[in-house]
Amino acid sequence: MIKKIFSLTALVFAGLMAFAQDNVYPAPPQTKPVAITNATIHVGNGTVIEKGTIVFDNGKITAVGTNASVPSGATVIDASGKHVYPGLILPNSQLGIQEVGAGTRATNDFQELGTMNPNVRTIVAYNTDSKITNTLRSNGVLLAEVVPNGGRLSGTSTMVQLDAWNWEDAAYRWDGIVHFRMPSLLNRPTGFGGGGFRPGGATGGDRIKAALDEIEDVKNFFREARSYAQVKNPKDVNLKFEALKPLFNKEGKLLIHCNTVKEMLVAIEFKKEFGFDIAIVGGSESFRIADLLKENDVPVILGSMHALPTTPDDDVDQPFKTPAMLHKAGVLFAIGDEDYHNRGRNMMFNAGTAVAYGLPKEAAISAMTLNTAKILGVADKTGSLEVGKDANIVISEGDILDMRSSIVTHAFIQGRNINLDNKQRQLFERYKYKYNLK
């Protein structure tokens, strides 16, 4: 009986593996120069080069422009009529640490017990074999920020590149970005918009008081951490305070998850008191204080725009208009995609919606590439198609912001020509075959 059970289990496992993505594996390092010619090149910094050439070798971009020469022996890709973009960067994601969702806990590894966990590192839990990763790559997303969840200080996020054997290979920028999930300062029942964790058990006006008390607890925690950071060789090592040291020496950044004006004003207070380099994540009401955000040099990472506004008094299309308003005010901002059902695949279409509501097209490209790289501290390596940066490059048949013409034909991560196959395409081909469709 045991043998029969074992054989049946092995058969089921083999069947599952047959339809997995074992044929999609990391590409080998670049071995010869590659030149993409005759392309419309969207540099990522607002510049567009018509009929341009981009050359890269050993994983780095070596030439960009209309007069860039093609090295002898280079692989040439004729991109006539196509568009070339920097690899898109997905901020604020649970990629690789959440696979199926809340209903399947075994696939979730994004949250720890407790409220103050700045020492938690998402990179050590990152799963490079996630089936979601390849669906992002085929849409042009080549890098992602993997973010912890839960508590107040959730931990540190890591930038990963999406073509790796293991988490060590995937890490693009290591620890240093700490996430603070601010309690909601909206005085309304739990579950009615606005986002953010509600203080447990608080009702009516007490809800706001409880939230303010929690914020003060976080401030006290940072004050203790600041005192700890001033001690050169502490006798007793505190791992939580050690994780916050990059914030005090300006090597790290504090990303504050909040949405309303009151919450963002508290975030600015954190910047002023502690001198942190901060950014707002969410910022659905950032359009109300855009000038103040600009004045205090506070960037914003916007979430999914295909959503209702935070308050019922706002225009129903306010999320679509917010990027254009931030751009006009000169605020550095990035566009993301927090919708759980999309898992980042609609980020570029969020940006396309913003363009339809007034955001210049190249500003929308920057909001998924160079702006994101600046906010997350990797602009020296990626985010734009400039000489010396990593060859993270996407070639699309049409406008990457338009779901009708956004068909990615090639993608390179650090010069490696990556496989664009994924589970969804495999299932598409499987059932085309089954029903004899052509």
Protein backbone atom coordinates (compact mmCIF):
# COMPACT_ATOMS: atom_id res chain seq x y z
CA MET A 1 0.00 0.00 0.00
CA ILE A 2 2.83 2.39 0.91
CA LYS A 3 4.53 1.66 -2.39
CA LYS A 4 1.31 2.44 -4.28
CA ILE A 5 0.90 5.74 -2.42
CA PHE A 6 4.53 6.64 -3.09
CA SER A 7 4.16 5.80 -6.78
CA LEU A 8 0.97 7.85 -7.05
CA THR A 9 2.63 10.80 -5.28
CA ALA A 10 5.63 10.58 -7.59
CA LEU A 11 3.35 10.45 -10.63
CA VAL A 12 1.40 13.53 -9.52
CA PHE A 13 4.63 15.40 -8.75
CA ALA A 14 6.07 14.45 -12.14
CA GLY A 15 2.87 15.67 -13.81
CA LEU A 16 3.08 18.99 -12.01
CA MET A 17 6.74 19.38 -12.90
CA ALA A 18 5.96 18.68 -16.56
CA PHE A 19 3.89 21.84 -16.70
CA ALA A 20 6.16 23.94 -14.48
CA GLN A 21 8.76 26.32 -15.88
CA ASP A 22 11.85 24.18 -15.64
CA ASN A 23 12.75 25.14 -19.20
CA VAL A 24 12.95 28.82 -18.14
CA TYR A 25 16.31 29.23 -16.48
CA PRO A 26 18.78 32.10 -16.06
CA ALA A 27 20.65 33.12 -19.17
CA PRO A 28 24.46 32.80 -19.33
CA PRO A 29 26.66 35.91 -19.13
CA GLN A 30 27.07 38.03 -22.23
CA THR A 31 30.05 36.82 -24.30
CA LYS A 32 30.07 39.18 -27.31
CA PRO A 33 28.91 42.71 -28.08
CA VAL A 34 25.26 43.30 -29.01
CA ALA A 35 23.99 46.23 -31.07
CA ILE A 36 20.33 47.18 -31.33
CA THR A 37 19.91 49.33 -34.43
CA ASN A 38 17.27 51.52 -36.12
CA ALA A 39 15.22 51.76 -32.94
CA THR A 40 13.19 54.47 -31.26
CA ILE A 41 15.17 54.68 -28.01
CA HIS A 42 13.46 55.99 -24.90
CA VAL A 43 16.48 56.80 -22.75
CA GLY A 44 14.47 57.07 -19.52
CA ASN A 45 15.53 60.62 -18.67
CA GLY A 46 13.00 62.23 -21.02
CA THR A 47 15.14 61.96 -24.15
CA VAL A 48 13.96 60.07 -27.24
CA ILE A 49 16.40 59.05 -29.98
CA GLU A 50 14.84 58.22 -33.35
CA LYS A 51 16.52 55.59 -35.52
CA GLY A 52 19.15 55.17 -32.86
CA THR A 53 21.65 52.48 -31.97
CA ILE A 54 22.51 51.12 -28.54
CA VAL A 55 25.57 48.91 -28.01
CA PHE A 56 26.42 46.88 -24.92
CA ASP A 57 29.21 44.50 -23.98
CA ASN A 58 30.11 42.59 -20.81
CA GLY A 59 26.75 43.58 -19.37
CA LYS A 60 27.36 47.35 -19.70
CA ILE A 61 26.10 49.93 -22.18
CA THR A 62 29.02 51.18 -24.28
CA ALA A 63 27.35 53.48 -26.82
CA VAL A 64 23.98 55.15 -27.42
CA GLY A 65 22.96 57.51 -30.22
CA THR A 66 22.32 57.97 -33.90
CA ASN A 67 26.01 57.73 -34.76
CA ALA A 68 26.99 54.87 -32.44
CA SER A 69 29.31 52.49 -34.30
CA VAL A 70 28.65 48.76 -34.33
CA PRO A 71 31.71 46.76 -33.16
CA SER A 72 33.12 44.07 -35.40
CA GLY A 73 31.65 40.66 -34.61
CA ALA A 74 28.71 42.07 -32.66
CA THR A 75 25.30 40.46 -32.72
CA VAL A 76 23.02 42.93 -34.49
CA ILE A 77 19.30 43.20 -33.72
CA ASP A 78 17.42 45.29 -36.25
CA ALA A 79 14.70 47.06 -34.27
CA SER A 80 13.19 49.02 -37.16
CA GLY A 81 9.75 50.24 -36.17
CA LYS A 82 10.24 49.04 -32.57
CA HIS A 83 10.77 50.85 -29.28
CA VAL A 84 13.63 50.33 -26.82
CA TYR A 85 13.26 51.12 -23.11
CA PRO A 86 15.25 50.75 -19.92
CA GLY A 87 14.18 47.69 -17.95
CA LEU A 88 11.14 48.67 -15.89
CA ILE A 89 11.48 48.63 -12.09
CA LEU A 90 8.59 47.45 -9.91
CA PRO A 91 8.61 49.11 -6.46
CA ASN A 92 6.81 47.97 -3.31
CA SER A 93 6.15 44.33 -4.25
CA GLN A 94 5.98 40.98 -2.48
CA LEU A 95 7.46 39.23 -5.50
CA GLY A 96 9.17 35.99 -4.52
CA ILE A 97 7.92 36.08 -0.94
CA GLN A 98 4.20 35.69 -1.67
CA GLU A 99 3.09 33.28 -4.36
CA VAL A 100 -0.59 32.37 -4.06
CA GLY A 101 -2.01 34.71 -1.44
CA ALA A 102 -3.54 34.87 1.99
CA GLY A 103 -5.50 31.66 1.46
CA THR A 104 -2.35 29.56 1.06
CA ARG A 105 -0.08 30.42 3.97
CA ALA A 106 2.64 27.99 2.93
CA THR A 107 3.48 30.22 -0.03
CA ASN A 108 3.73 33.41 2.06
CA ASP A 109 6.92 34.57 3.71
CA PHE A 110 6.56 38.33 3.95
CA GLN A 111 5.64 38.99 7.58
CA GLU A 112 7.13 38.43 11.03
CA LEU A 113 5.52 38.56 14.46
CA GLY A 114 5.87 41.78 16.43
CA THR A 115 5.67 45.46 15.57
CA MET A 116 9.31 46.60 15.44
CA ASN A 117 11.30 44.37 13.09
CA PRO A 118 13.75 46.59 11.16
CA ASN A 119 16.28 43.73 11.21
CA VAL A 120 14.07 41.44 9.09
CA ARG A 121 15.63 40.98 5.63
CA THR A 122 13.37 40.02 2.74
CA ILE A 123 16.24 38.93 0.52
CA VAL A 124 16.93 35.74 2.49
CA ALA A 125 13.34 34.60 1.87
CA TYR A 126 13.27 35.56 -1.83
CA ASN A 127 12.27 32.70 -4.11
CA THR A 128 13.84 32.98 -7.56
CA ASP A 129 11.63 30.13 -8.84
CA SER A 130 8.40 32.09 -8.43
CA LYS A 131 6.06 31.56 -11.37
CA ILE A 132 5.03 35.22 -11.17
CA THR A 133 8.53 36.48 -11.98
CA ASN A 134 8.50 35.35 -15.60
CA THR A 135 5.10 36.94 -16.27
CA LEU A 136 6.61 40.26 -15.20
CA ARG A 137 9.70 39.86 -17.39
CA SER A 138 7.59 39.26 -20.49
CA ASN A 139 5.88 42.60 -19.80
CA GLY A 140 9.17 44.48 -19.51
CA VAL A 141 9.68 44.48 -15.72
CA LEU A 142 13.29 43.43 -15.16
CA LEU A 143 13.93 44.59 -11.59
CA ALA A 144 11.79 44.73 -8.46
CA GLU A 145 11.88 45.91 -4.89
CA VAL A 146 10.91 43.07 -2.54
CA VAL A 147 9.20 44.58 0.50
CA PRO A 148 8.27 43.09 3.90
CA ASN A 149 4.83 43.54 5.42
CA GLY A 150 3.25 43.58 8.87
CA GLY A 151 3.84 45.50 12.09
CA ARG A 152 5.07 49.07 12.20
CA LEU A 153 8.74 48.72 11.22
CA SER A 154 8.33 45.79 8.84
CA GLY A 155 11.98 45.26 7.95
CA THR A 156 14.33 46.04 5.08
CA SER A 157 13.58 45.62 1.39
CA THR A 158 16.00 44.53 -1.31
CA MET A 159 16.25 45.34 -5.00
CA VAL A 160 16.45 42.20 -7.14
CA GLN A 161 17.07 41.54 -10.79
CA LEU A 162 14.68 38.97 -12.25
CA ASP A 163 17.10 36.48 -13.81
CA ALA A 164 18.85 34.52 -11.09
CA TRP A 165 19.52 31.03 -9.77
CA ASN A 166 19.27 32.01 -6.10
CA TRP A 167 18.76 35.00 -3.84
CA GLU A 168 22.47 35.79 -3.71
CA ASP A 169 22.54 36.10 -7.51
CA ALA A 170 19.29 38.09 -7.52
CA ALA A 171 20.34 40.82 -5.08
CA TYR A 172 20.86 44.08 -6.97
CA ARG A 173 20.96 46.39 -3.99
CA TRP A 174 21.27 44.92 -0.51
CA ASP A 175 19.72 46.08 2.76
CA GLY A 176 19.31 49.68 3.88
CA ILE A 177 15.76 50.57 2.87
CA VAL A 178 13.60 50.34 6.00
CA HIS A 179 9.79 50.29 5.83
CA PHE A 180 7.54 52.07 8.32
CA ARG A 181 3.82 51.34 8.01
CA MET A 182 2.11 54.31 9.60
CA PRO A 183 -1.19 53.71 11.42
CA SER A 184 -4.15 55.34 9.73
CA LEU A 185 -5.15 58.80 10.90
CA LEU A 186 -8.56 58.56 9.27
CA ASN A 187 -11.33 58.60 11.86
CA ARG A 188 -13.70 56.09 10.36
CA PRO A 189 -14.58 52.40 10.84
CA THR A 190 -12.01 49.77 9.96
CA GLY A 191 -12.27 48.52 6.40
CA PHE A 192 -13.54 51.70 4.73
CA GLY A 193 -10.77 52.87 2.42
CA GLY A 194 -7.71 54.90 3.24
CA GLY A 195 -5.44 51.89 3.67
CA GLY A 196 -3.16 51.32 6.60
CA PHE A 197 -3.38 49.23 9.75
CA ARG A 198 -6.02 50.31 12.28
CA PRO A 199 -5.13 50.25 15.97
CA GLY A 200 -6.86 47.20 17.38
CA GLY A 201 -9.93 47.76 19.50
CA ALA A 202 -10.00 51.55 19.25
CA THR A 203 -13.32 53.18 18.46
CA GLY A 204 -14.50 56.70 17.63
CA GLY A 205 -12.07 59.45 18.56
CA ASP A 206 -9.93 56.96 20.48
CA ARG A 207 -8.81 55.50 17.16
CA ILE A 208 -6.86 58.64 16.32
CA LYS A 209 -5.35 58.83 19.81
CA ALA A 210 -4.27 55.20 19.59
CA ALA A 211 -2.67 55.84 16.20
CA LEU A 212 -0.81 58.91 17.50
CA ASP A 213 0.41 56.88 20.48
CA GLU A 214 1.77 54.25 18.11
CA ILE A 215 3.54 56.91 16.06
CA GLU A 216 5.12 58.28 19.23
CA ASP A 217 6.27 54.75 20.11
CA VAL A 218 8.04 54.54 16.75
CA LYS A 219 9.66 57.94 17.32
CA ASN A 220 10.93 56.79 20.72
CA PHE A 221 12.29 53.66 19.10
CA PHE A 222 14.21 55.80 16.59
CA ARG A 223 15.48 58.04 19.38
CA GLU A 224 16.90 55.03 21.20
CA ALA A 225 18.38 53.77 17.94
CA ARG A 226 20.02 57.16 17.34
CA SER A 227 21.65 57.03 20.78
CA TYR A 228 22.80 53.49 20.06
CA ALA A 229 24.29 54.54 16.71
CA GLN A 230 26.45 57.12 18.46
CA VAL A 231 28.23 54.40 20.46
CA LYS A 232 31.22 53.11 18.50
CA ASN A 233 31.56 49.69 20.10
CA PRO A 234 28.43 48.87 22.09
CA LYS A 235 28.91 46.24 24.74
CA ASP A 236 25.56 44.64 23.98
CA VAL A 237 24.70 44.38 20.29
CA ASN A 238 21.09 45.21 19.44
CA LEU A 239 20.22 43.76 16.04
CA LYS A 240 17.16 45.96 15.60
CA PHE A 241 19.16 49.13 16.22
CA GLU A 242 22.04 47.87 14.07
CA ALA A 243 19.61 47.57 11.13
CA LEU A 244 18.73 51.27 11.51
CA LYS A 245 22.30 52.57 11.40
CA PRO A 246 22.19 53.17 7.60
CA LEU A 247 19.35 55.64 8.18
CA PHE A 248 21.47 57.78 10.48
CA ASN A 249 24.61 57.77 8.30
CA LYS A 250 22.62 58.56 5.12
CA GLU A 251 23.45 55.25 3.47
CA GLY A 252 19.85 54.04 3.78
CA LYS A 253 16.35 55.36 3.34
CA LEU A 254 13.11 55.21 5.30
CA LEU A 255 10.07 54.42 3.18
CA ILE A 256 6.90 55.51 4.98
CA HIS A 257 3.68 53.84 3.90
CA CYS A 258 0.84 56.35 4.25
CA ASN A 259 -1.86 58.05 2.20
CA THR A 260 -3.60 61.02 3.78
CA VAL A 261 -2.35 64.57 4.22
CA LYS A 262 -2.14 64.23 8.01
CA GLU A 263 -0.07 61.07 7.69
CA MET A 264 2.30 62.64 5.17
CA LEU A 265 2.77 65.66 7.44
CA VAL A 266 3.84 63.23 10.17
CA ALA A 267 6.26 61.68 7.68
CA ILE A 268 7.82 65.10 7.05
CA GLU A 269 8.17 65.50 10.83
CA PHE A 270 10.22 62.28 10.87
CA LYS A 271 12.50 63.70 8.21
CA LYS A 272 13.00 66.94 10.11
CA GLU A 273 13.58 65.39 13.54
CA PHE A 274 15.88 62.56 12.53
CA GLY A 275 17.37 63.88 9.30
CA PHE A 276 16.36 60.73 7.45
CA ASP A 277 16.25 60.39 3.70
CA ILE A 278 12.58 59.44 3.30
CA ALA A 279 10.02 58.63 0.62
CA ILE A 280 6.25 58.22 0.78
CA VAL A 281 4.75 54.92 -0.38
CA GLY A 282 1.10 55.19 -1.37
CA GLY A 283 0.55 58.94 -1.15
CA SER A 284 -2.96 58.89 -2.59
CA GLU A 285 -3.51 62.45 -1.30
CA SER A 286 -0.03 63.68 -2.24
CA PHE A 287 -1.55 65.98 -4.86
CA ARG A 288 -2.94 68.13 -2.03
CA ILE A 289 0.50 68.98 -0.63
CA ALA A 290 2.64 68.61 -3.76
CA ASP A 291 4.38 71.96 -3.18
CA LEU A 292 5.23 70.98 0.42
CA LEU A 293 6.62 67.64 -0.70
CA LYS A 294 8.76 69.41 -3.28
CA GLU A 295 9.95 71.95 -0.71
CA ASN A 296 11.02 69.17 1.68
CA ASP A 297 12.50 66.97 -1.07
CA VAL A 298 10.16 64.06 -0.32
CA PRO A 299 9.56 61.70 -3.27
CA VAL A 300 6.44 59.55 -3.67
CA ILE A 301 5.94 55.97 -4.84
CA LEU A 302 2.35 55.80 -6.07
CA GLY A 303 0.39 52.57 -5.80
CA SER A 304 -2.23 51.23 -8.19
CA MET A 305 -4.09 54.08 -9.86
CA HIS A 306 -6.96 51.89 -11.04
CA ALA A 307 -8.72 52.41 -7.73
CA LEU A 308 -11.16 54.72 -6.00
CA PRO A 309 -9.87 57.91 -4.32
CA THR A 310 -9.14 57.92 -0.60
CA THR A 311 -12.10 60.11 0.38
CA PRO A 312 -15.59 60.34 -1.17
CA ASP A 313 -15.17 64.09 -1.65
CA ASP A 314 -12.40 63.60 -4.23
CA ASP A 315 -13.04 63.34 -7.96
CA VAL A 316 -13.59 59.72 -8.89
CA ASP A 317 -10.75 59.98 -11.42
CA GLN A 318 -8.36 61.68 -8.99
CA PRO A 319 -5.94 58.70 -8.87
CA PHE A 320 -5.53 59.05 -12.65
CA LYS A 321 -4.72 62.76 -12.37
CA THR A 322 -2.33 62.64 -9.42
CA PRO A 323 0.85 61.77 -11.41
CA ALA A 324 0.39 64.77 -13.73
CA MET A 325 -0.15 67.05 -10.73
CA LEU A 326 3.00 65.79 -9.01
CA HIS A 327 4.97 66.17 -12.23
CA LYS A 328 3.78 69.75 -12.65
CA ALA A 329 4.85 70.55 -9.08
CA GLY A 330 8.31 69.07 -9.67
CA VAL A 331 7.90 66.23 -7.17
CA LEU A 332 10.06 63.17 -7.81
CA PHE A 333 7.63 60.26 -8.07
CA ALA A 334 7.45 56.66 -9.23
CA ILE A 335 4.53 54.59 -10.44
CA GLY A 336 3.91 51.10 -9.10
CA ASP A 337 1.15 48.51 -9.11
CA GLU A 338 -0.10 47.35 -5.70
CA ASP A 339 -3.18 45.54 -7.00
CA TYR A 340 -2.88 42.00 -5.67
CA HIS A 341 -4.59 40.49 -8.71
CA ASN A 342 -2.08 42.06 -11.12
CA ARG A 343 1.07 41.44 -9.07
CA GLY A 344 2.85 44.22 -10.96
CA ARG A 345 1.93 43.19 -14.49
CA ASN A 346 -0.22 46.30 -15.04
CA MET A 347 2.32 48.86 -13.85
CA MET A 348 3.00 50.12 -17.37
CA PHE A 349 -0.73 50.41 -18.04
CA ASN A 350 -1.17 52.44 -14.86
CA ALA A 351 1.39 54.78 -16.37
CA GLY A 352 -0.54 54.75 -19.65
CA THR A 353 -3.68 55.84 -17.82
CA ALA A 354 -1.70 58.69 -16.23
CA VAL A 355 -0.64 59.80 -19.73
CA ALA A 356 -4.29 59.88 -20.81
CA TYR A 357 -4.90 62.24 -17.87
CA GLY A 358 -2.15 64.72 -18.61
CA LEU A 359 1.22 63.19 -17.71
CA PRO A 360 3.77 63.56 -20.56
CA LYS A 361 4.61 60.19 -22.07
CA GLU A 362 8.35 60.31 -21.40
CA ALA A 363 7.66 61.40 -17.81
CA ALA A 364 5.56 58.26 -17.48
CA ILE A 365 8.50 56.17 -18.71
CA SER A 366 10.80 57.89 -16.21
CA ALA A 367 8.28 57.16 -13.44
CA MET A 368 8.89 53.42 -14.00
CA THR A 369 12.62 53.58 -14.64
CA LEU A 370 14.97 56.43 -13.70
CA ASN A 371 12.73 57.98 -11.03
CA THR A 372 12.27 54.63 -9.32
CA ALA A 373 16.01 53.99 -9.51
CA LYS A 374 16.70 57.38 -7.90
CA ILE A 375 14.25 56.78 -5.06
CA LEU A 376 15.59 53.28 -4.38
CA GLY A 377 19.25 54.24 -4.65
CA VAL A 378 20.30 52.39 -7.81
CA ALA A 379 20.33 55.22 -10.37
CA ASP A 380 24.09 54.86 -10.74
CA LYS A 381 23.55 51.34 -12.13
CA THR A 382 20.21 51.34 -13.93
CA GLY A 383 17.05 53.27 -14.78
CA SER A 384 18.23 54.85 -18.04
CA LEU A 385 20.00 53.82 -21.23
CA GLU A 386 23.27 55.68 -20.69
CA VAL A 387 26.87 54.69 -21.22
CA GLY A 388 28.36 52.89 -18.24
CA LYS A 389 25.09 51.63 -16.81
CA ASP A 390 23.96 48.01 -16.73
CA ALA A 391 22.42 46.77 -19.96
CA ASN A 392 18.90 46.30 -18.60
CA ILE A 393 17.00 46.76 -21.84
CA VAL A 394 13.55 46.00 -23.23
CA ILE A 395 12.52 45.90 -26.90
CA SER A 396 8.81 46.23 -27.65
CA GLU A 397 6.97 46.08 -30.95
CA GLY A 398 4.94 49.11 -29.92
CA ASP A 399 4.24 51.57 -27.13
CA ILE A 400 4.92 49.82 -23.82
CA LEU A 401 2.23 51.97 -22.17
CA ASP A 402 -0.47 50.63 -24.50
CA MET A 403 -1.68 47.09 -23.75
CA ARG A 404 -2.67 46.63 -27.40
CA SER A 405 0.80 47.23 -28.83
CA SER A 406 3.02 46.41 -25.83
CA ILE A 407 4.54 43.18 -27.11
CA VAL A 408 8.00 42.59 -25.68
CA THR A 409 10.21 40.73 -28.15
CA HIS A 410 13.60 40.92 -26.39
CA ALA A 411 14.79 41.67 -22.88
CA PHE A 412 18.32 41.88 -21.50
CA ILE A 413 19.33 41.92 -17.84
CA GLN A 414 22.95 42.99 -17.35
CA GLY A 415 23.50 42.09 -20.98
CA ARG A 416 22.03 38.59 -20.72
CA ASN A 417 19.41 37.77 -23.35
CA ILE A 418 16.71 36.35 -21.09
CA ASN A 419 14.00 33.81 -21.86
CA LEU A 420 10.58 35.50 -22.10
CA ASP A 421 8.54 32.31 -21.76
CA ASN A 422 6.23 31.95 -18.77
CA LYS A 423 3.52 29.76 -17.27
CA GLN A 424 0.71 31.70 -18.91
CA ARG A 425 2.22 31.38 -22.38
CA GLN A 426 2.84 27.68 -21.83
CA LEU A 427 -0.80 27.13 -20.88
CA PHE A 428 -1.89 29.16 -23.90
CA GLU A 429 0.14 26.94 -26.21
CA ARG A 430 -1.01 23.78 -24.40
CA TYR A 431 -4.69 24.47 -24.99
CA LYS A 432 -4.13 25.75 -28.50
CA TYR A 433 -2.66 22.32 -29.19
CA LYS A 434 -5.49 20.50 -27.40
CA TYR A 435 -8.21 22.21 -29.45
CA ASN A 436 -6.18 22.29 -32.66
CA LEU A 437 -6.18 26.10 -32.81
CA LYS A 438 -3.76 28.03 -34.97
